[in-house]
Amino acid sequence: MAEDGPVTATTLHRLPDLVPPPTELPPRTAALRAEVRAFLAEEQEAGRWTPRADVWLSGWDERFSRELGRRGWLGMTIPEEYGGHGASALDRYVVTEELLAAGAPVAAHWIADRQIGPTLLRFGTEEQRQRFLPGIARGEVYFGIGMSEPDAGSDLAAVRTRAERVDGGWELTGTKVWTSGAHHAHAFFALARSAPRDEQHRHAGLSQFIVLLDSPGVQIRPIPLLTGAHHFNEVVFDRVFVPDDMVLGEIGAGWKQVTSELAFERSGPERFLSTFPLLVSMLGELAGSTGIEREIGGLVARLWTLRRMSLAVAGSLESGQAPELAAAVVKELGTRYENEVIDVARLLVATPPDPGAEGGFPRLLADAVLHAPGFTLRGGTNEVLRGIVARGLGLR
């Protein structure tokens, strides 16, 4: 129900317009996929890591990230003059799919490769690009994201972190939460209010800053999961100085920049492949079991649909667009899908998942169950995403 009237048939007919036209992977990517798959099989056979669910949050392995960088599978879309490889977004998509499907430990480089690199290319200065992009492509420079706040959550217009002008730069004061990997990362993008809030224009007056996380005045406090694992953090700024050359883009243009950045964060295959290793393991558990084949068939069909939607967004990003609405749709549907994979998997076990399991289906299910509450926190809650889509359709 819209605030000013019911959802009409005309409105519903506009839903397909949210997703760009279908994109096909070019034939050349088949050889790339085979190469990545062979490398991952070699890594697993050597026992260098065990497949896990939700690896882009929990799988921090700097050795693995450096090895990907050495093979040219990080910074793929970064131009060669900045240490990248000048490949297409679709080439990168294939590599990303294989890494996630294998449950490989990708968390260390994930944020830097997924959205920091493209954002620096779009909004960063030449000095910023030269400083950070080569290390990102090598798998040696790690970033976090400083958007959400304790009293703002996914409503970024409610950001309260202040950026005050001082001699030679800005001073940041405030708190960020749910900052994945900040205790390991070298830097992050912080969204802060650089001008007083205007209730008539809530998204105005926001700016982005590149904050080095070893700067004086930065405190990083763990937000442990129920398991005791430490992935999320609270990052507190106490008059942290950020020089002018670490302003990202334009002062006051933070909202426009962030929404562009979120197209990268929300639309990738990680939004529906975090539980893929569990789905594959579930198929192996079906031997001798009956009764849930229909549910699993539905999961596989929906997986294919989500992949087509995500690929379409990747194709738009490849052409220089930033389809924020389509990305929000992929993220919202993907979050729900991943939780439904868990629900079906739980039908196969008579006892609660064992957090102490070493590997296999019990370990994957335990990982997925314990991490599931965080799925909707990353990249915006489902309620916020539905609001974005509703506004895009003219429903609000």
Protein backbone atom coordinates (compact mmCIF):
# COMPACT_ATOMS: atom_id res chain seq x y z
CA MET A 1 0.00 0.00 0.00
CA ALA A 2 1.46 3.36 -1.03
CA GLU A 3 1.18 6.31 1.30
CA ASP A 4 -0.99 8.13 -1.24
CA GLY A 5 -2.96 5.21 -2.64
CA PRO A 6 -2.96 1.52 -3.51
CA VAL A 7 -0.44 -0.30 -5.64
CA THR A 8 -1.89 -0.26 -9.15
CA ALA A 9 -1.47 -2.65 -12.07
CA THR A 10 0.47 0.08 -13.86
CA THR A 11 2.91 0.27 -10.96
CA LEU A 12 3.38 -3.49 -10.88
CA HIS A 13 4.11 -3.50 -14.60
CA ARG A 14 7.07 -1.22 -13.86
CA LEU A 15 8.78 -3.79 -11.61
CA PRO A 16 10.70 -5.46 -14.49
CA ASP A 17 12.14 -2.04 -15.36
CA LEU A 18 14.10 -2.09 -12.09
CA VAL A 19 16.41 -4.81 -13.40
CA PRO A 20 18.60 -4.06 -16.44
CA PRO A 21 18.42 -6.23 -19.57
CA PRO A 22 19.93 -9.73 -19.27
CA THR A 23 23.69 -10.02 -19.67
CA GLU A 24 25.49 -13.04 -21.08
CA LEU A 25 29.00 -13.95 -20.03
CA PRO A 26 31.42 -13.76 -22.98
CA PRO A 27 32.82 -17.12 -24.19
CA ARG A 28 36.35 -16.19 -23.07
CA THR A 29 35.29 -16.42 -19.43
CA ALA A 30 34.96 -20.21 -19.65
CA ALA A 31 38.75 -20.61 -19.68
CA LEU A 32 39.10 -18.17 -16.78
CA ARG A 33 36.50 -20.10 -14.78
CA ALA A 34 38.33 -23.39 -15.38
CA GLU A 35 41.62 -21.84 -14.27
CA VAL A 36 40.17 -20.47 -11.04
CA ARG A 37 38.37 -23.74 -10.31
CA ALA A 38 41.59 -25.73 -10.76
CA PHE A 39 43.46 -23.40 -8.41
CA LEU A 40 40.78 -23.72 -5.74
CA ALA A 41 40.80 -27.51 -6.01
CA GLU A 42 44.59 -27.50 -5.56
CA GLU A 43 44.29 -25.27 -2.49
CA GLN A 44 41.71 -27.54 -0.89
CA GLU A 45 43.67 -30.69 -1.65
CA ALA A 46 46.67 -29.12 0.06
CA GLY A 47 44.52 -28.46 3.14
CA ARG A 48 45.22 -24.73 3.13
CA TRP A 49 41.64 -23.90 4.14
CA THR A 50 38.31 -25.58 4.79
CA PRO A 51 35.19 -24.46 2.88
CA ARG A 52 32.89 -22.38 5.06
CA ALA A 53 29.63 -20.50 4.67
CA ASP A 54 29.60 -16.69 4.64
CA VAL A 55 33.32 -16.52 3.84
CA TRP A 56 33.31 -12.91 2.67
CA LEU A 57 32.69 -11.93 6.29
CA SER A 58 34.44 -14.65 8.27
CA GLY A 59 37.20 -15.98 6.01
CA TRP A 60 40.11 -13.63 6.76
CA ASP A 61 43.26 -15.11 5.19
CA GLU A 62 45.88 -12.62 4.03
CA ARG A 63 48.03 -15.34 2.44
CA PHE A 64 45.12 -16.36 0.25
CA SER A 65 44.39 -12.75 -0.74
CA ARG A 66 48.02 -12.15 -1.70
CA GLU A 67 47.98 -15.33 -3.79
CA LEU A 68 44.90 -14.12 -5.66
CA GLY A 69 46.66 -10.82 -6.25
CA ARG A 70 49.72 -12.61 -7.58
CA ARG A 71 47.55 -14.48 -10.07
CA GLY A 72 45.84 -11.30 -11.26
CA TRP A 73 42.46 -12.09 -9.70
CA LEU A 74 42.25 -8.98 -7.52
CA GLY A 75 41.95 -5.46 -8.86
CA MET A 76 40.80 -7.00 -12.11
CA THR A 77 38.85 -3.92 -13.20
CA ILE A 78 41.52 -1.47 -12.02
CA PRO A 79 43.49 0.01 -14.96
CA GLU A 80 47.01 -1.21 -15.45
CA GLU A 81 48.51 2.20 -14.66
CA TYR A 82 47.28 1.74 -11.08
CA GLY A 83 48.57 -1.80 -10.71
CA GLY A 84 45.38 -3.51 -11.89
CA HIS A 85 44.65 -5.68 -14.88
CA GLY A 86 42.18 -3.73 -17.00
CA ALA A 87 39.74 -6.64 -17.18
CA SER A 88 35.98 -6.37 -17.38
CA ALA A 89 33.41 -6.48 -14.58
CA LEU A 90 32.16 -9.74 -16.08
CA ASP A 91 35.61 -11.34 -15.82
CA ARG A 92 35.66 -10.31 -12.18
CA TYR A 93 32.15 -11.69 -11.73
CA VAL A 94 33.30 -15.15 -12.84
CA VAL A 95 36.22 -15.16 -10.40
CA THR A 96 33.95 -13.97 -7.58
CA GLU A 97 31.39 -16.69 -8.31
CA GLU A 98 34.01 -19.43 -8.13
CA LEU A 99 35.53 -18.13 -4.90
CA LEU A 100 32.16 -17.93 -3.16
CA ALA A 101 30.92 -21.25 -4.51
CA ALA A 102 34.03 -22.94 -3.12
CA GLY A 103 33.66 -21.30 0.29
CA ALA A 104 37.15 -19.80 -0.03
CA PRO A 105 38.52 -17.33 2.58
CA VAL A 106 38.06 -13.99 0.81
CA ALA A 107 37.26 -11.59 3.67
CA ALA A 108 40.64 -9.83 3.85
CA HIS A 109 40.49 -8.27 0.41
CA TRP A 110 36.72 -8.32 -0.08
CA ILE A 111 35.64 -4.74 0.63
CA ALA A 112 38.72 -3.18 -0.92
CA ASP A 113 38.35 -5.15 -4.15
CA ARG A 114 34.56 -4.96 -4.38
CA GLN A 115 33.82 -1.31 -3.76
CA ILE A 116 36.81 0.72 -2.58
CA GLY A 117 38.71 0.28 -5.84
CA PRO A 118 35.81 1.23 -8.13
CA THR A 119 34.88 4.17 -5.88
CA LEU A 120 38.43 5.53 -5.90
CA LEU A 121 38.45 5.26 -9.68
CA ARG A 122 35.21 7.22 -9.87
CA PHE A 123 35.66 9.84 -7.15
CA GLY A 124 39.24 9.65 -5.87
CA THR A 125 42.09 12.01 -6.65
CA GLU A 126 45.11 10.90 -8.64
CA GLU A 127 47.16 10.87 -5.44
CA GLN A 128 44.59 8.67 -3.67
CA ARG A 129 44.51 6.23 -6.58
CA GLN A 130 48.29 5.94 -6.70
CA ARG A 131 48.45 5.48 -2.94
CA PHE A 132 45.85 2.72 -2.50
CA LEU A 133 44.97 0.97 -5.76
CA PRO A 134 48.24 -0.93 -6.39
CA GLY A 135 48.14 -2.42 -2.88
CA ILE A 136 44.49 -3.41 -3.32
CA ALA A 137 45.35 -5.20 -6.57
CA ARG A 138 48.21 -7.06 -4.83
CA GLY A 139 45.93 -8.18 -1.98
CA GLU A 140 48.00 -6.27 0.55
CA VAL A 141 45.83 -3.24 1.40
CA TYR A 142 42.58 -3.87 3.30
CA PHE A 143 39.64 -1.52 3.82
CA GLY A 144 36.45 -1.32 5.83
CA ILE A 145 33.31 0.75 5.40
CA GLY A 146 32.19 3.39 7.92
CA MET A 147 28.53 4.08 7.14
CA SER A 148 26.13 2.71 9.80
CA GLU A 149 25.87 4.31 13.24
CA PRO A 150 24.29 3.28 16.57
CA ASP A 151 21.27 5.58 16.15
CA ALA A 152 21.15 5.56 12.35
CA GLY A 153 21.44 1.95 11.25
CA SER A 154 20.63 1.73 7.55
CA ASP A 155 19.10 5.23 7.51
CA LEU A 156 22.24 7.01 6.38
CA ALA A 157 20.46 10.36 6.30
CA ALA A 158 20.47 10.13 10.11
CA VAL A 159 24.28 10.00 10.33
CA ARG A 160 25.53 12.06 13.29
CA THR A 161 29.31 11.73 13.00
CA ARG A 162 30.55 15.30 12.63
CA ALA A 163 33.26 16.58 10.35
CA GLU A 164 34.44 20.02 11.43
CA ARG A 165 36.74 22.21 9.35
CA VAL A 166 40.17 22.82 10.88
CA ASP A 167 43.46 24.11 9.57
CA GLY A 168 44.65 21.78 6.79
CA GLY A 169 41.75 19.36 6.96
CA TRP A 170 38.83 18.08 9.04
CA GLU A 171 38.22 16.68 12.50
CA LEU A 172 35.85 13.71 12.82
CA THR A 173 33.90 12.94 15.99
CA GLY A 174 31.34 10.16 16.26
CA THR A 175 30.80 6.41 16.14
CA LYS A 176 30.41 3.80 13.41
CA VAL A 177 29.10 0.27 13.95
CA TRP A 178 28.97 -3.09 12.13
CA THR A 179 32.32 -2.27 10.55
CA SER A 180 33.51 -5.61 9.20
CA GLY A 181 37.23 -6.25 9.56
CA ALA A 182 38.14 -2.84 10.98
CA HIS A 183 40.47 -4.50 13.51
CA HIS A 184 42.55 -5.81 10.59
CA ALA A 185 41.99 -3.11 7.97
CA HIS A 186 44.36 -0.29 7.12
CA ALA A 187 41.69 2.34 6.34
CA PHE A 188 38.03 2.91 5.65
CA PHE A 189 35.64 5.32 3.99
CA ALA A 190 33.73 7.29 6.64
CA LEU A 191 30.48 9.09 5.93
CA ALA A 192 30.14 12.19 8.12
CA ARG A 193 28.03 15.31 8.37
CA SER A 194 30.10 18.25 7.19
CA ALA A 195 27.21 20.75 7.38
CA PRO A 196 24.29 21.10 9.82
CA ARG A 197 21.37 18.78 9.19
CA ASP A 198 18.48 20.24 7.20
CA GLU A 199 15.21 18.43 7.92
CA GLN A 200 13.87 19.49 4.54
CA HIS A 201 16.89 18.03 2.73
CA ARG A 202 18.09 15.22 4.99
CA HIS A 203 20.67 13.86 2.56
CA ALA A 204 22.42 17.20 2.08
CA GLY A 205 25.58 18.14 3.97
CA LEU A 206 27.17 14.67 4.00
CA SER A 207 30.76 14.02 2.93
CA GLN A 208 33.13 11.06 2.70
CA PHE A 209 36.61 10.82 4.15
CA ILE A 210 39.40 8.25 3.90
CA VAL A 211 40.38 7.51 7.49
CA LEU A 212 43.58 5.63 8.30
CA LEU A 213 42.57 3.34 11.14
CA ASP A 214 45.85 3.77 13.03
CA SER A 215 45.23 7.53 13.28
CA PRO A 216 45.32 9.18 16.74
CA GLY A 217 41.84 9.33 18.22
CA VAL A 218 40.53 6.17 16.52
CA GLN A 219 39.29 3.44 18.86
CA ILE A 220 38.22 0.04 17.52
CA ARG A 221 36.00 -2.02 19.80
CA PRO A 222 34.92 -5.59 18.96
CA ILE A 223 31.28 -6.57 18.53
CA PRO A 224 31.56 -10.35 19.04
CA LEU A 225 29.11 -12.82 17.55
CA LEU A 226 27.24 -15.31 19.72
CA THR A 227 30.05 -17.76 18.99
CA GLY A 228 32.67 -15.34 20.31
CA ALA A 229 34.01 -14.83 16.78
CA HIS A 230 35.10 -11.27 16.01
CA HIS A 231 34.19 -9.84 12.62
CA PHE A 232 32.15 -6.72 13.38
CA ASN A 233 33.43 -3.65 15.18
CA GLU A 234 32.43 -0.33 16.66
CA VAL A 235 34.79 2.43 15.52
CA VAL A 236 34.88 5.59 17.64
CA PHE A 237 36.33 8.90 16.42
CA ASP A 238 37.56 11.36 19.03
CA ARG A 239 38.54 14.47 17.06
CA VAL A 240 40.34 12.42 14.44
CA PHE A 241 42.25 14.60 12.01
CA VAL A 242 41.77 13.87 8.31
CA PRO A 243 43.91 15.99 5.96
CA ASP A 244 42.36 17.66 2.95
CA ASP A 245 44.05 15.19 0.61
CA MET A 246 42.04 12.38 2.21
CA VAL A 247 38.64 13.90 1.41
CA LEU A 248 36.92 11.51 -0.99
CA GLY A 249 35.23 13.29 -3.86
CA GLU A 250 33.46 16.56 -3.15
CA ILE A 251 32.50 18.01 0.21
CA GLY A 252 28.71 17.82 0.46
CA ALA A 253 28.40 15.14 -2.23
CA GLY A 254 28.63 12.21 0.18
CA TRP A 255 25.09 10.94 -0.33
CA LYS A 256 25.40 10.81 -4.11
CA GLN A 257 28.75 9.04 -3.81
CA VAL A 258 27.51 6.53 -1.23
CA THR A 259 24.47 5.53 -3.27
CA SER A 260 26.73 4.91 -6.25
CA GLU A 261 29.04 2.84 -4.06
CA LEU A 262 26.14 0.78 -2.74
CA ALA A 263 25.39 -0.47 -6.25
CA PHE A 264 28.66 -2.42 -5.99
CA GLU A 265 27.97 -3.55 -2.42
CA ARG A 266 24.40 -4.76 -2.87
CA SER A 267 24.31 -6.46 -6.26
CA GLY A 268 27.14 -9.00 -6.29
CA PRO A 269 26.83 -12.78 -6.12
CA GLU A 270 27.76 -12.70 -2.44
CA ARG A 271 24.15 -11.65 -1.82
CA PHE A 272 22.92 -15.14 -2.69
CA LEU A 273 26.04 -17.33 -2.63
CA SER A 274 27.05 -16.91 1.03
CA THR A 275 25.12 -20.11 1.76
CA PHE A 276 25.92 -21.87 -1.53
CA PRO A 277 28.45 -24.28 0.04
CA LEU A 278 25.68 -25.29 2.45
CA LEU A 279 23.27 -25.86 -0.46
CA VAL A 280 25.80 -28.09 -2.23
CA SER A 281 26.51 -30.02 0.96
CA MET A 282 22.77 -30.39 1.49
CA LEU A 283 22.45 -32.22 -1.83
CA GLY A 284 24.96 -34.77 -0.57
CA GLU A 285 22.94 -35.23 2.61
CA LEU A 286 19.83 -36.14 0.64
CA ALA A 287 20.94 -39.75 0.10
CA GLY A 288 18.29 -41.88 1.76
CA SER A 289 16.17 -38.86 2.65
CA THR A 290 12.86 -37.87 1.10
CA GLY A 291 10.32 -35.16 1.55
CA ILE A 292 12.23 -31.96 0.81
CA GLU A 293 13.19 -32.47 -2.85
CA ARG A 294 10.58 -29.92 -3.87
CA GLU A 295 12.00 -27.33 -1.48
CA ILE A 296 15.52 -27.88 -2.77
CA GLY A 297 14.33 -27.70 -6.37
CA GLY A 298 12.73 -24.35 -5.58
CA LEU A 299 15.98 -23.08 -4.05
CA VAL A 300 17.97 -24.06 -7.13
CA ALA A 301 15.46 -22.37 -9.46
CA ARG A 302 15.51 -19.17 -7.44
CA LEU A 303 19.29 -19.25 -7.30
CA TRP A 304 19.41 -19.21 -11.08
CA THR A 305 16.99 -16.28 -11.21
CA LEU A 306 19.00 -14.27 -8.69
CA ARG A 307 22.16 -14.98 -10.64
CA ARG A 308 20.58 -13.64 -13.83
CA MET A 309 19.50 -10.49 -12.02
CA SER A 310 22.92 -9.99 -10.45
CA LEU A 311 24.65 -10.54 -13.79
CA ALA A 312 22.40 -7.92 -15.37
CA VAL A 313 23.52 -5.39 -12.77
CA ALA A 314 27.17 -6.37 -13.39
CA GLY A 315 26.60 -5.68 -17.07
CA SER A 316 25.27 -2.22 -16.24
CA LEU A 317 28.25 -1.51 -14.00
CA GLU A 318 30.50 -2.61 -16.86
CA SER A 319 28.92 0.07 -19.06
CA GLY A 320 29.50 2.77 -16.44
CA GLN A 321 26.01 2.89 -14.93
CA ALA A 322 25.19 2.68 -11.21
CA PRO A 323 21.80 0.92 -11.01
CA GLU A 324 21.01 1.53 -7.35
CA LEU A 325 17.40 0.35 -7.50
CA ALA A 326 18.25 -2.91 -9.23
CA ALA A 327 21.05 -3.51 -6.73
CA ALA A 328 18.60 -2.98 -3.86
CA VAL A 329 16.24 -5.56 -5.36
CA VAL A 330 19.03 -8.13 -5.69
CA LYS A 331 20.17 -7.57 -2.13
CA GLU A 332 16.68 -7.77 -0.60
CA LEU A 333 15.72 -10.92 -2.50
CA GLY A 334 19.14 -12.46 -1.92
CA THR A 335 19.00 -11.91 1.83
CA ARG A 336 15.65 -13.65 2.07
CA TYR A 337 16.86 -16.47 -0.16
CA GLU A 338 19.93 -17.18 1.96
CA ASN A 339 17.81 -17.49 5.08
CA GLU A 340 15.48 -19.89 3.28
CA VAL A 341 18.47 -22.08 2.33
CA ILE A 342 19.17 -22.36 6.05
CA ASP A 343 15.53 -23.16 6.84
CA VAL A 344 15.50 -26.04 4.34
CA ALA A 345 18.88 -27.33 5.55
CA ARG A 346 17.60 -27.50 9.10
CA LEU A 347 14.89 -29.93 7.97
CA LEU A 348 17.65 -32.48 7.40
CA VAL A 349 18.86 -32.57 11.00
CA ALA A 350 17.04 -33.76 14.09
CA THR A 351 19.25 -31.85 16.53
CA PRO A 352 20.43 -28.22 16.68
CA PRO A 353 23.52 -27.36 14.55
CA ASP A 354 26.80 -28.08 16.32
CA PRO A 355 29.06 -24.98 16.50
CA GLY A 356 31.97 -27.26 17.39
CA ALA A 357 31.77 -29.34 14.21
CA GLU A 358 35.05 -29.48 12.29
CA GLY A 359 33.72 -29.50 8.74
CA GLY A 360 31.19 -30.80 6.26
CA PHE A 361 27.44 -30.26 6.43
CA PRO A 362 27.28 -29.80 10.26
CA ARG A 363 29.97 -27.09 10.19
CA LEU A 364 28.45 -25.28 7.19
CA LEU A 365 24.99 -25.32 8.75
CA ALA A 366 26.29 -24.07 12.09
CA ASP A 367 28.16 -21.23 10.36
CA ALA A 368 25.11 -20.24 8.35
CA VAL A 369 22.73 -20.30 11.34
CA LEU A 370 25.07 -18.24 13.50
CA HIS A 371 25.79 -15.67 10.79
CA ALA A 372 22.24 -15.38 9.44
CA PRO A 373 21.18 -12.50 11.77
CA GLY A 374 23.90 -10.37 10.18
CA PHE A 375 22.83 -10.99 6.58
CA THR A 376 20.31 -8.17 6.61
CA LEU A 377 22.66 -5.74 8.40
CA ARG A 378 25.17 -5.70 5.58
CA GLY A 379 24.30 -3.24 2.86
CA GLY A 380 20.99 -2.17 4.42
CA THR A 381 18.12 -3.88 6.18
CA ASN A 382 15.32 -5.37 4.10
CA GLU A 383 12.93 -2.72 5.38
CA VAL A 384 15.17 0.10 4.18
CA LEU A 385 15.74 -1.61 0.83
CA ARG A 386 12.00 -2.01 0.28
CA GLY A 387 11.61 1.69 0.98
CA ILE A 388 14.26 2.50 -1.63
CA VAL A 389 12.49 0.34 -4.21
CA ALA A 390 9.09 1.81 -3.30
CA ARG A 391 10.38 5.36 -3.78
CA GLY A 392 11.94 4.33 -7.07
CA LEU A 393 8.54 3.08 -8.24
CA GLY A 394 6.81 6.22 -7.04
CA LEU A 395 4.98 4.43 -4.23
CA ARG A 396 6.27 6.72 -1.46
